[in-house]
Amino acid sequence: MSWASKQSERIAIYVDGANAYFAQKEALGWWIDWDAFLGAMQDDKELVSARWYQAYRATPESEQDRFLHHLTLMGFAVRKKIVQATYDHVSGQNVMKGSLDIELTIDALTESSHFDTAILVSGDGIFVPLVEALKARGKRVLIVSTDENVAVELRQAVGVNYIDFLDLRDQIESDKIMESSPIESRPSRSIAPTREPAITPRKAPQPPMRAAAATEGGSQDDDFEAESLPDPESIDLPVEGESIRCRVQAVKKYGVFLDLHQHAKTLLHVKDMNRGFVPDAGELYQVGEEIMVKVISIDRKVNPPEVRVTVVAPETEY
């Protein structure tokens, strides 16, 4: 019996557009056919709402306009917000913001009396309070994301009510070719009911942080040669949760690489900058700039180890 076997179940789908984009570019390496996704989620259910949330520039690219138009034709109600430049007194720079997290949360809570299950397409941990609020109202919440992109606290909040996009690949993969695919091949997996713990580690054929660098020409990967590096387990790195001041080594659109350790690759992703929607990390940081960050994950299964960090909130910086 699949997760979608309850005949009378009413579902509502909420897609965090920016998060879904990063999941495709960083972890999957293939585009999603969103019309097929709607069909896969709906199955024999009653689809009562499908909403898409997208931040965009004042002058959007024609391809993005066409994409959002196609979403409307599929049946999505598209909410858009223009990215605004606001001055940040801490950094002394203009910050681009365009998050629709509040709009998504309000819509889901407002519509909660009309559905039995909310399907949230996002891996952002900011939605944990929404998940808890819906569960308190007797609703089921299903998270659809990737193991690489979903926040640990969000996955813990839904437990077994989680689906990796990989499990749906045979049903939802688009024919559109992704240029500079970050992952050469990742096998799709069949869907099976599970009662395993909420977090199930899985080693991907190519880690997402390394993959992200490859999309920009591989210059970051060229700085690391595994055969000349020490054993990842022997490298003395800060522990998860520890805060440390680092200097920016390289700037990419999707994030910046930091000098936390000479034998580790440390990425501050745009999603972890605590600045809302950031379309280009280069608008916030420059090479040589110092940033106070907190370690959120360390992957020692790869060589060099890959460290992911988040910006320490300005009020807690020292």
Protein backbone atom coordinates (compact mmCIF):
# COMPACT_ATOMS: atom_id res chain seq x y z
CA MET A 1 0.00 0.00 0.00
CA SER A 2 1.49 3.37 -0.97
CA TRP A 3 1.37 6.54 1.10
CA ALA A 4 -1.44 7.73 -1.23
CA SER A 5 -3.93 4.97 -0.64
CA LYS A 6 -6.65 6.66 1.38
CA GLN A 7 -9.55 7.20 -1.06
CA SER A 8 -11.25 10.17 0.56
CA GLU A 9 -8.10 12.06 1.49
CA ARG A 10 -8.13 15.76 0.61
CA ILE A 11 -4.70 17.21 -0.12
CA ALA A 12 -3.20 20.66 -0.54
CA ILE A 13 0.22 21.24 -2.09
CA TYR A 14 2.52 24.13 -1.19
CA VAL A 15 5.76 24.55 -3.16
CA ASP A 16 8.62 26.73 -1.93
CA GLY A 17 9.88 27.63 -5.41
CA ALA A 18 13.40 28.72 -4.48
CA ASN A 19 13.96 25.67 -2.30
CA ALA A 20 12.66 23.34 -5.00
CA TYR A 21 15.04 24.93 -7.52
CA PHE A 22 18.07 24.34 -5.31
CA ALA A 23 17.01 20.75 -4.70
CA GLN A 24 17.01 20.12 -8.44
CA LYS A 25 20.28 21.92 -9.15
CA GLU A 26 22.27 20.75 -6.12
CA ALA A 27 21.08 17.26 -5.31
CA LEU A 28 19.10 15.75 -8.18
CA GLY A 29 20.80 16.86 -11.37
CA TRP A 30 17.54 16.60 -13.32
CA TRP A 31 14.49 18.81 -13.72
CA ILE A 32 11.07 17.98 -12.33
CA ASP A 33 7.97 17.86 -14.54
CA TRP A 34 5.62 19.69 -12.19
CA ASP A 35 2.51 18.65 -14.05
CA ALA A 36 3.56 15.04 -13.55
CA PHE A 37 4.35 15.84 -9.92
CA LEU A 38 0.79 17.06 -9.37
CA GLY A 39 -0.49 13.82 -10.87
CA ALA A 40 1.80 11.68 -8.73
CA MET A 41 0.74 13.47 -5.54
CA GLN A 42 -2.94 13.52 -6.41
CA ASP A 43 -3.34 9.92 -7.55
CA ASP A 44 -6.82 9.00 -6.26
CA LYS A 45 -6.96 11.95 -3.84
CA GLU A 46 -8.99 15.10 -3.99
CA LEU A 47 -6.65 17.99 -4.73
CA VAL A 48 -8.21 21.04 -3.10
CA SER A 49 -5.30 23.48 -3.46
CA ALA A 50 -1.93 23.74 -5.22
CA ARG A 51 0.15 26.84 -4.56
CA TRP A 52 3.58 27.92 -5.77
CA TYR A 53 5.64 30.65 -4.05
CA GLN A 54 8.30 32.45 -6.06
CA ALA A 55 10.51 35.50 -5.48
CA TYR A 56 11.78 37.18 -8.63
CA ARG A 57 13.58 40.27 -9.84
CA ALA A 58 11.66 43.38 -10.93
CA THR A 59 12.65 42.52 -14.51
CA PRO A 60 12.40 38.71 -14.60
CA GLU A 61 14.00 36.64 -17.33
CA SER A 62 11.64 35.60 -20.11
CA GLU A 63 12.30 31.92 -19.32
CA GLN A 64 11.16 32.41 -15.74
CA ASP A 65 8.03 34.23 -16.93
CA ARG A 66 7.21 31.32 -19.23
CA PHE A 67 7.80 28.82 -16.45
CA LEU A 68 5.48 30.61 -14.03
CA HIS A 69 2.86 30.91 -16.77
CA HIS A 70 3.06 27.15 -17.39
CA LEU A 71 2.63 26.51 -13.68
CA THR A 72 -0.62 28.48 -13.81
CA LEU A 73 -1.81 26.41 -16.74
CA MET A 74 -1.07 23.25 -14.74
CA GLY A 75 -3.33 24.43 -11.94
CA PHE A 76 -0.94 26.10 -9.53
CA ALA A 77 -1.98 29.36 -7.90
CA VAL A 78 1.28 31.30 -8.18
CA ARG A 79 2.22 33.84 -5.53
CA LYS A 80 5.07 36.12 -6.57
CA LYS A 81 7.11 38.72 -4.74
CA ILE A 82 9.63 41.10 -6.23
CA VAL A 83 13.04 40.88 -4.58
CA GLN A 84 13.75 44.13 -2.76
CA ALA A 85 17.12 45.67 -1.91
CA THR A 86 17.31 46.77 1.72
CA TYR A 87 20.27 48.29 3.52
CA ASP A 88 21.80 46.10 6.22
CA HIS A 89 23.41 48.22 8.95
CA VAL A 90 25.57 45.35 10.19
CA SER A 91 27.25 44.50 6.88
CA GLY A 92 26.96 48.00 5.41
CA GLN A 93 25.67 46.48 2.17
CA ASN A 94 22.40 46.24 0.30
CA VAL A 95 20.69 42.90 0.91
CA MET A 96 18.25 41.32 -1.54
CA LYS A 97 15.15 39.94 0.21
CA GLY A 98 12.10 38.25 -1.24
CA SER A 99 11.04 35.40 1.04
CA LEU A 100 7.44 34.16 0.85
CA ASP A 101 7.65 31.93 3.93
CA ILE A 102 5.05 33.99 5.77
CA GLU A 103 2.64 33.93 2.82
CA LEU A 104 2.96 30.15 2.51
CA THR A 105 2.40 29.68 6.24
CA ILE A 106 -0.67 31.93 6.31
CA ASP A 107 -2.19 30.22 3.27
CA ALA A 108 -1.68 26.75 4.72
CA LEU A 109 -3.20 27.67 8.08
CA THR A 110 -6.10 29.55 6.47
CA GLU A 111 -6.94 26.61 4.20
CA SER A 112 -6.38 23.91 6.83
CA SER A 113 -10.10 23.29 7.34
CA HIS A 114 -10.37 22.25 3.68
CA PHE A 115 -7.69 19.52 3.57
CA ASP A 116 -6.65 16.41 5.44
CA THR A 117 -3.02 16.40 4.31
CA ALA A 118 -0.66 19.26 3.49
CA ILE A 119 2.16 18.39 1.09
CA LEU A 120 4.99 20.85 1.63
CA VAL A 121 7.68 20.88 -1.04
CA SER A 122 10.58 22.40 0.84
CA GLY A 123 13.48 21.40 3.04
CA ASP A 124 13.64 24.69 4.94
CA GLY A 125 13.67 24.29 8.71
CA ILE A 126 11.79 27.58 9.08
CA PHE A 127 8.59 25.63 8.40
CA VAL A 128 8.84 23.48 11.55
CA PRO A 129 6.37 25.75 13.45
CA LEU A 130 3.92 25.43 10.55
CA VAL A 131 4.21 21.64 10.63
CA GLU A 132 3.57 21.59 14.37
CA ALA A 133 0.60 23.97 14.04
CA LEU A 134 -1.03 21.84 11.35
CA LYS A 135 -0.43 18.63 13.30
CA ALA A 136 -2.07 20.27 16.32
CA ARG A 137 -5.13 20.81 14.12
CA GLY A 138 -5.25 17.11 13.32
CA LYS A 139 -3.66 17.44 9.88
CA ARG A 140 -1.07 15.19 8.31
CA VAL A 141 1.96 16.98 6.86
CA LEU A 142 4.10 15.35 4.19
CA ILE A 143 7.50 16.85 3.31
CA VAL A 144 8.90 16.32 -0.20
CA SER A 145 12.56 17.24 -0.62
CA THR A 146 15.97 15.55 -0.92
CA ASP A 147 18.07 14.01 1.82
CA GLU A 148 20.79 16.55 1.03
CA ASN A 149 18.55 19.64 1.19
CA VAL A 150 16.07 18.89 3.97
CA ALA A 151 16.78 20.41 7.38
CA VAL A 152 17.22 17.80 10.10
CA GLU A 153 14.69 19.49 12.37
CA LEU A 154 12.07 19.57 9.59
CA ARG A 155 12.50 15.89 8.82
CA GLN A 156 12.31 15.06 12.49
CA ALA A 157 9.07 17.05 12.76
CA VAL A 158 7.31 14.84 10.18
CA GLY A 159 8.97 11.50 10.96
CA VAL A 160 7.96 8.88 8.38
CA ASN A 161 5.86 11.42 6.46
CA TYR A 162 8.79 12.28 4.22
CA ILE A 163 9.46 11.51 0.56
CA ASP A 164 12.73 12.00 -1.30
CA PHE A 165 12.29 13.27 -4.86
CA LEU A 166 14.45 10.33 -5.91
CA ASP A 167 11.65 7.98 -4.94
CA LEU A 168 9.41 9.69 -7.51
CA ARG A 169 11.94 10.01 -10.31
CA ASP A 170 10.32 7.48 -12.64
CA GLN A 171 7.05 9.42 -12.39
CA ILE A 172 8.14 13.07 -12.36
CA GLU A 173 11.45 13.49 -14.24
CA SER A 174 11.22 16.06 -17.04
CA ASP A 175 12.58 15.49 -20.54
CA LYS A 176 14.35 18.85 -20.32
CA ILE A 177 18.12 18.45 -20.13
CA MET A 178 19.91 20.18 -17.26
CA GLU A 179 23.10 21.83 -18.39
CA SER A 180 26.18 21.07 -16.29
CA SER A 181 24.28 18.41 -14.40
CA PRO A 182 25.76 18.37 -10.87
CA ILE A 183 25.35 14.63 -10.44
CA GLU A 184 26.21 12.29 -13.27
CA SER A 185 24.02 9.46 -12.11
CA ARG A 186 21.91 8.74 -9.10
CA PRO A 187 19.71 5.67 -9.10
CA SER A 188 16.02 6.11 -8.52
CA ARG A 189 14.54 4.09 -5.68
CA SER A 190 11.21 2.39 -5.42
CA ILE A 191 8.75 3.72 -2.84
CA ALA A 192 8.17 1.41 0.07
CA PRO A 193 6.42 1.94 3.38
CA THR A 194 8.93 2.30 6.18
CA ARG A 195 9.07 2.63 9.91
CA GLU A 196 12.75 3.44 10.00
CA PRO A 197 14.05 6.34 12.13
CA ALA A 198 13.32 9.82 10.82
CA ILE A 199 16.91 10.30 9.68
CA THR A 200 18.35 7.68 7.35
CA PRO A 201 21.86 8.61 6.14
CA ARG A 202 22.61 7.74 2.54
CA LYS A 203 25.84 8.33 0.74
CA ALA A 204 25.18 9.92 -2.63
CA PRO A 205 27.44 9.07 -5.58
CA GLN A 206 28.58 12.71 -5.55
CA PRO A 207 28.11 15.05 -2.57
CA PRO A 208 25.94 18.13 -3.19
CA MET A 209 28.56 20.70 -2.12
CA ARG A 210 31.11 19.28 -4.54
CA ALA A 211 28.40 19.14 -7.16
CA ALA A 212 27.53 22.78 -6.67
CA ALA A 213 31.12 23.82 -7.30
CA ALA A 214 31.14 21.76 -10.48
CA THR A 215 28.27 23.79 -11.90
CA GLU A 216 30.49 26.86 -11.81
CA GLY A 217 33.30 25.23 -13.77
CA GLY A 218 34.84 23.08 -11.04
CA SER A 219 37.37 25.66 -9.89
CA GLN A 220 36.78 24.83 -6.24
CA ASP A 221 37.23 21.13 -6.82
CA ASP A 222 40.49 21.84 -8.61
CA ASP A 223 41.89 23.19 -5.33
CA PHE A 224 41.53 19.79 -3.68
CA GLU A 225 43.27 16.57 -4.68
CA ALA A 226 42.05 13.66 -2.55
CA GLU A 227 45.22 11.60 -2.97
CA SER A 228 47.34 14.31 -1.29
CA LEU A 229 44.97 14.92 1.62
CA PRO A 230 45.08 13.35 5.10
CA ASP A 231 42.51 10.88 6.33
CA PRO A 232 39.23 12.84 6.84
CA GLU A 233 38.75 11.22 10.25
CA SER A 234 42.09 12.56 11.46
CA ILE A 235 41.41 16.21 10.59
CA ASP A 236 40.73 18.38 13.65
CA LEU A 237 37.55 20.29 12.78
CA PRO A 238 35.14 22.33 14.94
CA VAL A 239 32.22 20.31 16.25
CA GLU A 240 28.67 20.80 14.99
CA GLY A 241 27.10 23.77 16.73
CA GLU A 242 30.42 25.52 17.32
CA SER A 243 30.78 29.14 16.13
CA ILE A 244 33.96 30.35 14.48
CA ARG A 245 35.12 33.37 12.50
CA CYS A 246 36.23 32.55 8.94
CA ARG A 247 37.48 34.43 5.91
CA VAL A 248 35.90 34.20 2.45
CA GLN A 249 38.13 32.31 0.00
CA ALA A 250 35.89 32.18 -3.06
CA VAL A 251 32.49 33.55 -4.04
CA LYS A 252 29.97 31.68 -6.17
CA LYS A 253 26.41 32.62 -7.02
CA TYR A 254 25.07 29.83 -4.81
CA GLY A 255 27.32 30.55 -1.81
CA VAL A 256 30.81 31.32 -0.54
CA PHE A 257 33.69 29.02 0.42
CA LEU A 258 35.48 29.75 3.70
CA ASP A 259 38.93 29.09 5.14
CA LEU A 260 37.74 27.15 8.18
CA HIS A 261 40.46 24.52 7.66
CA GLN A 262 43.09 24.03 4.96
CA HIS A 263 42.08 20.37 4.51
CA ALA A 264 38.31 20.87 4.47
CA LYS A 265 35.84 22.40 2.05
CA THR A 266 33.55 24.80 3.90
CA LEU A 267 30.45 26.18 2.19
CA LEU A 268 28.17 28.94 3.37
CA HIS A 269 25.17 28.43 1.11
CA VAL A 270 22.81 31.29 0.21
CA LYS A 271 20.05 29.41 2.06
CA ASP A 272 22.11 29.59 5.27
CA MET A 273 22.93 33.31 5.19
CA ASN A 274 19.91 34.33 7.31
CA ARG A 275 19.09 37.07 4.79
CA GLY A 276 15.89 35.71 3.27
CA PHE A 277 16.00 35.00 -0.47
CA VAL A 278 19.50 35.68 -1.82
CA PRO A 279 19.74 35.29 -5.63
CA ASP A 280 23.52 35.84 -5.72
CA ALA A 281 25.99 35.46 -2.83
CA GLY A 282 28.25 37.98 -4.58
CA GLU A 283 25.79 40.69 -3.61
CA LEU A 284 26.57 40.08 0.07
CA TYR A 285 30.17 38.89 0.40
CA GLN A 286 33.59 39.51 -1.11
CA VAL A 287 36.82 37.51 -1.06
CA GLY A 288 38.79 38.30 2.10
CA GLU A 289 35.77 39.34 4.16
CA GLU A 290 35.43 37.82 7.63
CA ILE A 291 32.16 36.14 8.71
CA MET A 292 31.08 34.66 12.03
CA VAL A 293 29.50 31.28 11.24
CA LYS A 294 28.20 28.21 13.07
CA VAL A 295 28.92 24.66 11.91
CA ILE A 296 25.69 22.82 11.04
CA SER A 297 27.05 19.64 9.43
CA ILE A 298 30.32 17.84 8.70
CA ASP A 299 30.63 15.09 6.10
CA ARG A 300 33.76 13.02 6.67
CA LYS A 301 32.74 10.34 4.19
CA VAL A 302 34.34 12.39 1.42
CA ASN A 303 37.89 13.63 1.02
CA PRO A 304 38.33 16.50 1.75
CA PRO A 305 35.62 16.65 4.43
CA GLU A 306 32.77 18.97 3.55
CA VAL A 307 31.56 21.39 6.18
CA ARG A 308 28.33 23.35 5.93
CA VAL A 309 27.82 26.45 8.04
CA THR A 310 25.22 29.09 8.73
CA VAL A 311 25.69 32.76 9.52
CA VAL A 312 25.54 33.60 13.21
CA ALA A 313 22.71 36.08 13.75
CA PRO A 314 24.08 39.64 13.94
CA GLU A 315 22.78 40.12 17.48
CA THR A 316 24.86 37.15 18.69
CA GLU A 317 28.06 38.07 16.87
CA TYR A 318 31.08 39.06 18.88
